[in-house]
N, C-alpha and C. Protein backbone atom coordinates (compact mmCIF):
# COMPACT_ATOMS: atom_id res chain seq x y z
N MET A 1 77.44 65.81 132.15
CA MET A 1 78.58 65.91 131.86
C MET A 1 78.19 67.36 132.83
N ALA A 2 79.08 68.23 133.47
CA ALA A 2 79.19 69.78 134.24
C ALA A 2 80.24 69.61 133.92
N LEU A 3 80.35 71.15 133.93
CA LEU A 3 82.02 72.55 133.87
C LEU A 3 81.85 71.52 135.31
N VAL A 4 82.87 71.59 135.44
CA VAL A 4 84.00 71.48 136.87
C VAL A 4 83.31 73.28 137.93
N SER A 5 83.42 74.36 137.77
CA SER A 5 83.05 75.73 137.99
C SER A 5 81.91 76.02 138.14
N GLN A 6 80.82 75.22 136.86
CA GLN A 6 79.45 74.72 137.37
C GLN A 6 78.89 73.98 137.43
N LYS A 7 79.15 72.93 138.38
CA LYS A 7 78.45 71.96 138.51
C LYS A 7 76.60 71.90 139.19
N ARG A 8 75.98 73.55 139.13
CA ARG A 8 74.43 73.98 139.24
C ARG A 8 74.26 73.58 137.42
N ARG A 9 74.78 73.13 136.64
CA ARG A 9 74.00 73.36 135.25
C ARG A 9 74.53 72.49 134.48
N PRO A 10 74.07 71.47 134.84
CA PRO A 10 74.87 70.05 133.78
C PRO A 10 73.87 70.17 132.07
N ILE A 11 74.80 69.51 131.22
CA ILE A 11 74.69 69.68 130.15
C ILE A 11 74.70 68.11 129.95
N HIS A 12 73.41 68.03 129.39
CA HIS A 12 73.09 66.81 128.83
C HIS A 12 73.08 66.51 127.71
N ILE A 13 73.97 65.51 127.00
CA ILE A 13 74.40 64.65 125.80
C ILE A 13 73.86 63.66 125.60
N TYR A 14 72.86 63.23 124.38
CA TYR A 14 72.33 62.14 123.93
C TYR A 14 72.23 62.49 122.55
N LYS A 15 72.21 61.02 121.63
CA LYS A 15 71.87 61.07 120.38
C LYS A 15 71.27 60.79 119.88
N GLU A 16 70.42 61.91 118.39
CA GLU A 16 69.36 62.51 118.07
C GLU A 16 69.98 61.61 116.50
N GLY A 17 69.26 60.67 116.05
CA GLY A 17 69.73 60.20 114.35
C GLY A 17 71.29 59.93 114.42
N ASP A 18 72.14 60.49 113.66
CA ASP A 18 72.86 60.53 113.28
C ASP A 18 74.17 61.56 113.87
N LYS A 19 73.26 63.05 114.86
CA LYS A 19 74.18 63.83 115.78
C LYS A 19 74.34 63.73 116.61
N VAL A 20 75.52 64.15 118.25
CA VAL A 20 75.01 63.95 119.31
C VAL A 20 75.09 65.02 119.54
N ARG A 21 73.96 65.80 119.98
CA ARG A 21 73.81 66.98 120.53
C ARG A 21 73.93 67.17 122.46
N ALA A 22 74.48 68.10 122.60
CA ALA A 22 74.26 68.74 124.25
C ALA A 22 73.43 69.56 124.71
N VAL A 23 72.93 69.72 125.26
CA VAL A 23 71.61 70.59 125.80
C VAL A 23 71.97 71.09 127.37
N THR A 24 71.82 72.84 126.90
CA THR A 24 72.11 73.14 128.40
C THR A 24 71.64 74.95 128.74
N ARG A 25 71.54 75.27 129.77
CA ARG A 25 70.42 76.50 130.14
C ARG A 25 71.68 77.61 129.48
N ILE A 26 71.28 78.47 128.91
CA ILE A 26 72.16 79.98 128.24
C ILE A 26 71.53 80.37 128.64
N GLY A 27 71.71 81.08 128.96
CA GLY A 27 70.27 82.58 129.71
C GLY A 27 68.83 82.32 130.31
N ALA A 28 68.54 82.24 130.34
CA ALA A 28 67.20 81.84 130.92
C ALA A 28 66.38 80.46 129.94
N HIS A 29 67.32 79.89 128.79
CA HIS A 29 66.88 79.13 127.60
C HIS A 29 66.89 77.68 127.46
N GLN A 30 66.75 76.95 127.07
CA GLN A 30 67.62 75.27 126.87
C GLN A 30 67.77 75.94 126.12
N ALA A 31 69.42 75.37 125.30
CA ALA A 31 69.50 75.89 123.59
C ALA A 31 70.48 74.72 123.74
N PHE A 32 70.92 74.19 122.70
CA PHE A 32 71.85 73.29 121.83
C PHE A 32 73.01 74.23 121.90
N LEU A 33 74.15 72.88 123.14
CA LEU A 33 75.50 74.08 123.15
C LEU A 33 76.21 74.01 121.76
N ARG A 34 77.09 75.15 121.09
CA ARG A 34 77.14 75.03 119.87
C ARG A 34 79.08 75.26 120.04
N LYS A 35 79.20 75.97 121.63
CA LYS A 35 80.80 75.83 121.64
C LYS A 35 81.16 76.80 123.13
N ILE A 36 81.76 76.60 123.68
CA ILE A 36 81.94 76.49 125.18
C ILE A 36 83.91 77.31 125.09
N TYR A 37 83.78 78.67 125.73
CA TYR A 37 85.33 79.29 126.09
C TYR A 37 85.24 79.65 126.82
N VAL A 38 86.74 79.06 127.66
CA VAL A 38 87.27 79.37 129.03
C VAL A 38 88.30 80.39 129.24
N LYS A 39 88.66 81.69 129.48
CA LYS A 39 89.27 82.29 129.98
C LYS A 39 90.03 81.98 131.02
N THR A 40 91.05 81.87 130.87
CA THR A 40 91.99 81.44 132.16
C THR A 40 93.14 81.97 132.48
N ARG A 41 94.03 81.97 133.83
CA ARG A 41 94.74 82.63 133.75
C ARG A 41 95.73 81.69 135.28
N LYS A 42 96.86 81.41 135.55
CA LYS A 42 98.00 80.75 136.19
C LYS A 42 98.29 81.62 137.18
N SER A 43 98.06 80.53 138.31
CA SER A 43 98.02 80.62 139.65
C SER A 43 99.04 80.04 140.44
N GLY A 44 100.54 80.10 140.15
CA GLY A 44 101.40 79.01 140.30
C GLY A 44 101.35 78.41 139.89
N LEU A 45 100.95 76.65 139.95
CA LEU A 45 101.40 75.52 139.19
C LEU A 45 99.82 75.54 138.68
N LEU A 46 99.03 75.87 138.58
CA LEU A 46 97.52 75.71 138.47
C LEU A 46 96.81 76.85 137.42
N ARG A 47 95.96 76.50 137.17
CA ARG A 47 95.23 77.53 135.72
C ARG A 47 93.88 77.52 136.82
N THR A 48 93.56 79.04 136.86
CA THR A 48 92.11 79.04 137.30
C THR A 48 91.17 80.12 136.05
N ALA A 49 89.70 79.36 136.90
CA ALA A 49 89.32 79.53 135.39
C ALA A 49 88.78 81.64 135.68
N ASP A 50 88.78 82.48 135.28
CA ASP A 50 88.35 83.46 134.94
C ASP A 50 86.63 83.69 135.48
N TYR A 51 86.35 83.30 133.70
CA TYR A 51 85.41 83.44 133.32
C TYR A 51 84.93 82.14 131.88
N PHE A 52 83.24 81.87 131.55
CA PHE A 52 83.08 80.84 130.57
C PHE A 52 82.34 81.89 129.51
N GLU A 53 81.88 81.63 128.53
CA GLU A 53 81.26 82.28 127.42
C GLU A 53 80.38 80.35 127.22
N LEU A 54 79.28 80.56 127.37
CA LEU A 54 78.79 79.13 126.60
C LEU A 54 78.57 79.93 124.90
N PHE A 55 78.15 79.44 123.82
CA PHE A 55 77.32 79.77 122.23
C PHE A 55 76.16 78.42 121.95
N GLY A 56 75.46 78.89 121.98
CA GLY A 56 74.15 77.77 120.79
C GLY A 56 73.21 78.81 120.56
N ASN A 57 72.25 76.88 119.98
CA ASN A 57 70.88 77.77 119.61
C ASN A 57 69.65 77.27 120.88
N ASP A 58 68.80 78.33 120.85
CA ASP A 58 67.84 78.07 121.32
C ASP A 58 66.93 76.77 120.90
N VAL A 59 66.30 75.93 121.90
CA VAL A 59 65.99 74.05 121.51
C VAL A 59 64.62 74.69 120.71
N LEU A 60 63.46 76.07 121.31
CA LEU A 60 62.54 75.38 120.70
C LEU A 60 62.95 76.03 119.27
N ASN A 61 63.33 77.37 118.93
CA ASN A 61 62.94 78.74 117.88
C ASN A 61 64.21 78.65 117.38
N GLY A 62 65.15 77.75 117.72
CA GLY A 62 66.70 78.00 116.90
C GLY A 62 67.80 79.20 116.99
N GLU A 63 67.13 80.25 117.66
CA GLU A 63 67.72 81.72 117.69
C GLU A 63 68.80 81.59 118.02
N ASP A 64 69.84 82.58 118.26
CA ASP A 64 71.90 82.19 118.93
C ASP A 64 71.54 82.66 120.73
N ARG A 65 71.80 81.59 121.41
CA ARG A 65 71.41 81.80 122.83
C ARG A 65 73.38 82.30 122.78
N TYR A 66 73.16 83.55 124.29
CA TYR A 66 74.92 83.42 124.60
C TYR A 66 75.34 84.01 126.10
N GLU A 67 75.51 83.49 126.64
CA GLU A 67 76.07 84.03 127.75
C GLU A 67 77.48 84.00 128.44
N LYS A 68 77.53 84.65 129.25
CA LYS A 68 78.78 84.69 129.61
C LYS A 68 78.62 85.18 131.08
N VAL A 69 79.61 84.06 132.02
CA VAL A 69 79.90 83.40 133.27
C VAL A 69 81.01 83.51 133.86
N ALA A 70 80.84 83.41 135.53
CA ALA A 70 81.67 83.90 136.51
C ALA A 70 81.67 82.30 136.59
N PRO A 71 83.03 81.80 137.32
CA PRO A 71 82.68 80.43 138.13
C PRO A 71 81.95 81.00 139.42
N GLN A 72 81.58 79.48 140.13
CA GLN A 72 80.96 79.55 140.88
C GLN A 72 81.80 79.25 141.76
N SER A 73 81.83 79.33 143.38
CA SER A 73 82.92 79.53 144.44
C SER A 73 82.71 78.40 144.88
């Protein structure tokens, strides 16, 4: 899976026991993705992403991870 505005940032989804996990890079760390927030604005009939925020936990040590990213052109 990939976000339309961040095609070079893949999100890997897999099943681990009873849980489904999503893993992506947040900052410089691989992290379990908890939440994505997308800020958009209306541009004519379409919506354009201003930025998005990624929230998760580091795969190795469980620390909280956060990154705010502008869409790629």
